[in-house]
Amino acid sequence: MPKSLPSVDQLTRALEVTRQIEKLQAELNSILGGNYKSVGKLPKAEKQGRKKREMSPEAKEKIAAAQRLRWARQKKAEKKG
């Protein structure tokens, strides 16, 4: 069942909210001196995140061996079919 289309009042309110957001983004840009197109985007220096995990060579080989086994099974199934 498709949703009904928004009313004119809803579209007008959405436009007002969009304009307020744009105004606030411009204010944020003037404060921070950057060009942030959406809230939540920070310069790389300000981002905080987890460190990239590194896998041991043994773990990589185990994963690779499992993948080779899956490929071999797939090729065998294709030859039968």
C-alpha atoms as a PDB file:
ATOM      1  CA  MET A   1       0.000   0.000   0.000  1.00  0.00           C
ATOM      2  CA  PRO A   2       1.691   3.243  -1.130  1.00  0.00           C
ATOM      3  CA  LYS A   3       1.998   6.128   1.295  1.00  0.00           C
ATOM      4  CA  SER A   4      -0.046   9.207   0.574  1.00  0.00           C
ATOM      5  CA  LEU A   5       1.695  12.259  -0.770  1.00  0.00           C
ATOM      6  CA  PRO A   6       2.559  15.021   1.702  1.00  0.00           C
ATOM      7  CA  SER A   7       0.139  17.915   1.972  1.00  0.00           C
ATOM      8  CA  VAL A   8       1.000  21.452   0.945  1.00  0.00           C
ATOM      9  CA  ASP A   9       1.275  22.408   4.627  1.00  0.00           C
ATOM     10  CA  GLN A  10       3.724  19.555   5.241  1.00  0.00           C
ATOM     11  CA  LEU A  11       5.826  20.552   2.235  1.00  0.00           C
ATOM     12  CA  THR A  12       5.829  24.185   3.372  1.00  0.00           C
ATOM     13  CA  ARG A  13       6.970  23.160   6.872  1.00  0.00           C
ATOM     14  CA  ALA A  14       9.646  20.882   5.389  1.00  0.00           C
ATOM     15  CA  LEU A  15      10.942  23.801   3.329  1.00  0.00           C
ATOM     16  CA  GLU A  16      11.069  26.004   6.437  1.00  0.00           C
ATOM     17  CA  VAL A  17      12.992  23.345   8.367  1.00  0.00           C
ATOM     18  CA  THR A  18      15.409  22.883   5.459  1.00  0.00           C
ATOM     19  CA  ARG A  19      16.076  26.620   5.387  1.00  0.00           C
ATOM     20  CA  GLN A  20      16.695  26.639   9.139  1.00  0.00           C
ATOM     21  CA  ILE A  21      19.155  23.771   8.758  1.00  0.00           C
ATOM     22  CA  GLU A  22      20.990  25.601   5.966  1.00  0.00           C
ATOM     23  CA  LYS A  23      21.152  28.738   8.107  1.00  0.00           C
ATOM     24  CA  LEU A  24      22.557  26.781  11.053  1.00  0.00           C
ATOM     25  CA  GLN A  25      25.101  25.040   8.808  1.00  0.00           C
ATOM     26  CA  ALA A  26      26.262  28.419   7.524  1.00  0.00           C
ATOM     27  CA  GLU A  27      26.620  29.604  11.118  1.00  0.00           C
ATOM     28  CA  LEU A  28      28.571  26.451  12.004  1.00  0.00           C
ATOM     29  CA  ASN A  29      30.866  27.029   9.020  1.00  0.00           C
ATOM     30  CA  SER A  30      31.528  30.589  10.136  1.00  0.00           C
ATOM     31  CA  ILE A  31      32.325  29.431  13.668  1.00  0.00           C
ATOM     32  CA  LEU A  32      34.551  26.512  12.704  1.00  0.00           C
ATOM     33  CA  GLY A  33      35.944  28.070   9.550  1.00  0.00           C
ATOM     34  CA  GLY A  34      35.214  25.060   7.383  1.00  0.00           C
ATOM     35  CA  ASN A  35      32.804  23.773   4.814  1.00  0.00           C
ATOM     36  CA  TYR A  36      30.712  21.109   6.551  1.00  0.00           C
ATOM     37  CA  LYS A  37      27.860  19.994   4.344  1.00  0.00           C
ATOM     38  CA  SER A  38      26.176  17.853   6.959  1.00  0.00           C
ATOM     39  CA  VAL A  39      26.120  17.750  10.702  1.00  0.00           C
ATOM     40  CA  GLY A  40      28.364  15.048  12.068  1.00  0.00           C
ATOM     41  CA  LYS A  41      31.191  15.477   9.582  1.00  0.00           C
ATOM     42  CA  LEU A  42      34.293  16.573  11.411  1.00  0.00           C
ATOM     43  CA  PRO A  43      37.788  17.264  10.141  1.00  0.00           C
ATOM     44  CA  LYS A  44      40.031  14.207  10.145  1.00  0.00           C
ATOM     45  CA  ALA A  45      42.012  15.524  13.083  1.00  0.00           C
ATOM     46  CA  GLU A  46      38.854  15.664  15.185  1.00  0.00           C
ATOM     47  CA  LYS A  47      37.551  12.194  14.302  1.00  0.00           C
ATOM     48  CA  GLN A  48      37.860   9.552  16.927  1.00  0.00           C
ATOM     49  CA  GLY A  49      37.589   5.907  16.093  1.00  0.00           C
ATOM     50  CA  ARG A  50      38.927   2.475  16.659  1.00  0.00           C
ATOM     51  CA  LYS A  51      42.306   1.432  15.451  1.00  0.00           C
ATOM     52  CA  LYS A  52      42.399  -0.850  12.445  1.00  0.00           C
ATOM     53  CA  ARG A  53      42.764  -4.447  13.508  1.00  0.00           C
ATOM     54  CA  GLU A  54      45.580  -6.484  12.073  1.00  0.00           C
ATOM     55  CA  MET A  55      45.336 -10.200  11.394  1.00  0.00           C
ATOM     56  CA  SER A  56      48.138 -12.591  12.025  1.00  0.00           C
ATOM     57  CA  PRO A  57      49.604 -14.416   9.018  1.00  0.00           C
ATOM     58  CA  GLU A  58      48.235 -17.663  10.454  1.00  0.00           C
ATOM     59  CA  ALA A  59      44.712 -16.285  10.596  1.00  0.00           C
ATOM     60  CA  LYS A  60      44.984 -14.959   7.040  1.00  0.00           C
ATOM     61  CA  GLU A  61      46.158 -18.354   5.793  1.00  0.00           C
ATOM     62  CA  LYS A  62      43.338 -20.130   7.611  1.00  0.00           C
ATOM     63  CA  ILE A  63      40.778 -17.847   5.952  1.00  0.00           C
ATOM     64  CA  ALA A  64      42.445 -18.273   2.551  1.00  0.00           C
ATOM     65  CA  ALA A  65      42.464 -22.072   2.920  1.00  0.00           C
ATOM     66  CA  ALA A  66      38.769 -22.086   3.779  1.00  0.00           C
ATOM     67  CA  GLN A  67      38.026 -19.945   0.719  1.00  0.00           C
ATOM     68  CA  ARG A  68      40.056 -22.247  -1.547  1.00  0.00           C
ATOM     69  CA  LEU A  69      38.046 -25.179  -0.202  1.00  0.00           C
ATOM     70  CA  ARG A  70      34.767 -23.375  -0.958  1.00  0.00           C
ATOM     71  CA  TRP A  71      35.948 -22.639  -4.510  1.00  0.00           C
ATOM     72  CA  ALA A  72      36.983 -26.250  -5.023  1.00  0.00           C
ATOM     73  CA  ARG A  73      33.565 -27.480  -3.840  1.00  0.00           C
ATOM     74  CA  GLN A  74      31.840 -24.990  -6.132  1.00  0.00           C
ATOM     75  CA  LYS A  75      33.904 -26.076  -9.161  1.00  0.00           C
ATOM     76  CA  LYS A  76      33.183 -29.730  -8.369  1.00  0.00           C
ATOM     77  CA  ALA A  77      29.445 -28.996  -8.163  1.00  0.00           C
ATOM     78  CA  GLU A  78      29.554 -27.114 -11.469  1.00  0.00           C
ATOM     79  CA  LYS A  79      31.255 -30.058 -13.225  1.00  0.00           C
ATOM     80  CA  LYS A  80      28.567 -32.467 -11.965  1.00  0.00           C
ATOM     81  CA  GLY A  81      25.682 -30.214 -13.002  1.00  0.00           C
END
